[in-house]
Each structure stands twice: as C-alpha cells, then as structure tokens.
Amino acid sequence: MKVIKYLLTGIVFGIVLTKSEVISWYRIYEMFNFQSFHMFGIIGSAVILGIVITQSIKGFNLKSIKGEPIKINPKFPDFWRYLLGGTFFGLGWAMTGACPGPMFVLVGNGASVFLLVIASAMFGTFLYGVLRKYLPH
C-alpha cells in the first residue's frame, strides 16, 4: 500500500512536467539561448518556493510526519565546488536536453532514447562514488 503513494506522486510529477513543457527540448533550447522566460520563470518559482518553505520550517520549528523536529544544518558554500558542479550539470542538461527528473518523464512519454541517457547518468554516479575519495570536497 505504501508504494501507491510513491506511484501517484510520480504520475502527478510526470503530468506536471509534461503539461508545463519542462521536458520540451525546444523550451530548454530557448532557455540556453536566453530567448524565452518560460523555463527561467519555472526555475525561479521553484527557488522562491524552496526558500519560503525552508524559512517556514526554520521559523515555525515544524516537525516531520513522525513528529521529529526537522533540523536543517547550516551550509558554508564553497564557490568553486558549486561552480564546477553546476557547470557539469548544465553541460549535461544542454547536451541531452533534460535534467535528471524529466529524463524518466521523457521515457514515459515515449522517448526511449533517454534510457541510454539514464544509463549514462547512473554510470556517472557510480563512477563518482568510485572516484570520490580522490576528488576535492
């Protein structure tokens, strides 16, 4: 029974991404060429919503579903680390036309070529795990 809530969440996620055209290669192309506000509006809305929710959790001392306090540890950003990681993420997004969440939605919409992209992303994640101890953190 617990699996159903995850399945329904995934279905709603897929419908929202499809209807909002976030999975559209043309929308991504427009974004990377600064030709349309569509994707920037969606991403900006998500960032603002994330900030509001995070500050609400901190300000109201909200608890998890299990009643435990939600603790958000402070982060001390390392500019170069985030710049490098963001660059790799953006390059992958630009080359494939999708970031991780929409890759699965694209497969569900019939773009089976994205199974190769998903396999490559999984291999890259595995490779990071193998090489992690040798990389700067």
Protein backbone atom coordinates (compact mmCIF):
# COMPACT_ATOMS: atom_id res chain seq x y z
CA MET A 1 0.00 0.00 0.00
CA LYS A 2 2.93 2.36 0.69
CA VAL A 3 4.09 2.01 -2.91
CA ILE A 4 0.87 3.54 -4.22
CA LYS A 5 1.61 6.98 -2.74
CA TYR A 6 5.01 7.00 -4.49
CA LEU A 7 3.44 5.83 -7.74
CA LEU A 8 0.78 8.55 -7.57
CA THR A 9 3.41 11.18 -6.75
CA GLY A 10 5.43 10.07 -9.78
CA ILE A 11 2.37 10.19 -12.03
CA VAL A 12 1.46 13.71 -10.87
CA PHE A 13 5.11 14.78 -11.26
CA GLY A 14 5.17 13.43 -14.82
CA ILE A 15 1.90 15.13 -15.75
CA VAL A 16 3.04 18.48 -14.31
CA LEU A 17 6.39 18.34 -16.12
CA THR A 18 4.72 17.36 -19.39
CA LYS A 19 1.96 19.97 -19.23
CA SER A 20 4.33 22.75 -18.18
CA GLU A 21 6.57 21.85 -21.16
CA VAL A 22 9.61 21.44 -18.90
CA ILE A 23 10.51 18.28 -20.84
CA SER A 24 10.37 20.08 -24.18
CA TRP A 25 13.75 20.22 -25.90
CA TYR A 26 12.64 23.44 -27.61
CA ARG A 27 11.94 25.12 -24.25
CA ILE A 28 15.37 24.07 -22.98
CA TYR A 29 16.98 25.32 -26.20
CA GLU A 30 15.20 28.67 -25.77
CA MET A 31 16.41 28.88 -22.18
CA PHE A 32 20.06 28.25 -23.02
CA ASN A 33 19.85 30.86 -25.79
CA PHE A 34 18.09 33.38 -23.50
CA GLN A 35 15.16 33.57 -25.94
CA SER A 36 12.30 32.86 -23.55
CA PHE A 37 11.38 33.48 -19.92
CA HIS A 38 9.35 30.24 -19.65
CA MET A 39 11.99 27.98 -18.08
CA PHE A 40 13.56 30.76 -16.02
CA GLY A 41 10.10 31.51 -14.60
CA ILE A 42 9.57 27.88 -13.62
CA ILE A 43 13.05 27.50 -12.11
CA GLY A 44 12.79 30.88 -10.36
CA SER A 45 9.38 29.94 -8.92
CA ALA A 46 10.85 26.67 -7.59
CA VAL A 47 13.77 28.52 -5.98
CA ILE A 48 11.48 31.08 -4.32
CA LEU A 49 9.11 28.36 -3.13
CA GLY A 50 12.06 26.39 -1.73
CA ILE A 51 13.28 29.46 0.16
CA VAL A 52 9.82 30.16 1.59
CA ILE A 53 9.32 26.54 2.67
CA THR A 54 12.81 26.27 4.20
CA GLN A 55 12.40 29.52 6.13
CA SER A 56 8.94 28.39 7.30
CA ILE A 57 10.39 25.11 8.58
CA LYS A 58 13.07 27.02 10.48
CA GLY A 59 10.82 29.84 11.71
CA PHE A 60 7.90 27.72 12.90
CA ASN A 61 10.05 24.80 14.14
CA LEU A 62 7.96 22.39 12.10
CA LYS A 63 8.12 18.68 12.75
CA SER A 64 8.25 15.72 10.35
CA ILE A 65 5.30 13.39 9.80
CA LYS A 66 6.76 11.17 12.53
CA GLY A 67 6.76 14.11 14.97
CA GLU A 68 10.53 14.58 14.99
CA PRO A 69 11.96 18.10 14.73
CA ILE A 70 13.27 18.96 11.27
CA LYS A 71 16.88 20.04 11.55
CA ILE A 72 18.49 21.93 8.67
CA ASN A 73 22.23 22.14 9.09
CA PRO A 74 23.88 25.39 8.03
CA LYS A 75 25.94 25.21 4.86
CA PHE A 76 29.08 27.11 4.09
CA PRO A 77 29.16 27.33 0.30
CA ASP A 78 32.39 26.61 -1.50
CA PHE A 79 32.10 28.81 -4.59
CA TRP A 80 34.44 26.83 -6.84
CA ARG A 81 32.87 23.50 -5.95
CA TYR A 82 29.39 24.72 -6.82
CA LEU A 83 30.66 26.44 -9.96
CA LEU A 84 32.29 23.25 -11.20
CA GLY A 85 29.32 21.04 -10.26
CA GLY A 86 26.85 23.47 -11.82
CA THR A 87 28.92 23.64 -14.97
CA PHE A 88 28.92 19.85 -15.36
CA PHE A 89 25.19 19.71 -14.59
CA GLY A 90 24.45 22.46 -17.12
CA LEU A 91 26.61 20.85 -19.80
CA GLY A 92 24.84 17.54 -19.32
CA TRP A 93 21.48 19.28 -19.41
CA ALA A 94 22.39 21.17 -22.59
CA MET A 95 23.81 18.08 -24.32
CA THR A 96 20.93 15.73 -23.50
CA GLY A 97 18.07 18.22 -23.38
CA ALA A 98 16.95 17.06 -19.94
CA CYS A 99 17.91 17.16 -16.30
CA PRO A 100 17.50 14.06 -14.10
CA GLY A 101 13.78 14.21 -13.21
CA PRO A 102 12.49 14.84 -16.72
CA MET A 103 14.63 12.03 -18.15
CA PHE A 104 12.22 9.49 -16.66
CA VAL A 105 9.19 11.51 -17.77
CA LEU A 106 10.57 11.58 -21.33
CA VAL A 107 10.86 7.77 -21.30
CA GLY A 108 7.25 7.63 -20.12
CA ASN A 109 6.29 9.93 -23.00
CA GLY A 110 7.83 7.51 -25.49
CA ALA A 111 11.34 8.94 -25.95
CA SER A 112 13.07 5.61 -25.35
CA VAL A 113 16.47 7.05 -26.38
CA PHE A 114 16.54 8.55 -22.89
CA LEU A 115 17.07 5.06 -21.48
CA LEU A 116 20.64 5.47 -22.74
CA VAL A 117 20.85 8.87 -21.04
CA ILE A 118 19.57 7.38 -17.78
CA ALA A 119 22.07 4.51 -18.03
CA SER A 120 24.87 7.02 -18.66
CA ALA A 121 23.78 9.13 -15.68
CA MET A 122 23.73 6.02 -13.48
CA PHE A 123 27.22 5.07 -14.67
CA GLY A 124 28.45 8.61 -13.99
CA THR A 125 27.01 8.43 -10.48
CA PHE A 126 28.70 5.07 -9.92
CA LEU A 127 31.99 6.44 -11.25
CA TYR A 128 31.74 9.42 -8.89
CA GLY A 129 31.28 7.00 -6.00
CA VAL A 130 34.40 5.10 -7.02
CA LEU A 131 36.48 8.26 -7.50
CA ARG A 132 35.02 10.32 -4.64
CA LYS A 133 37.92 9.76 -2.25
CA TYR A 134 40.32 11.16 -4.86
CA LEU A 135 38.27 14.29 -5.63
CA PRO A 136 38.41 17.59 -3.73
CA HIS A 137 35.43 18.22 -1.44
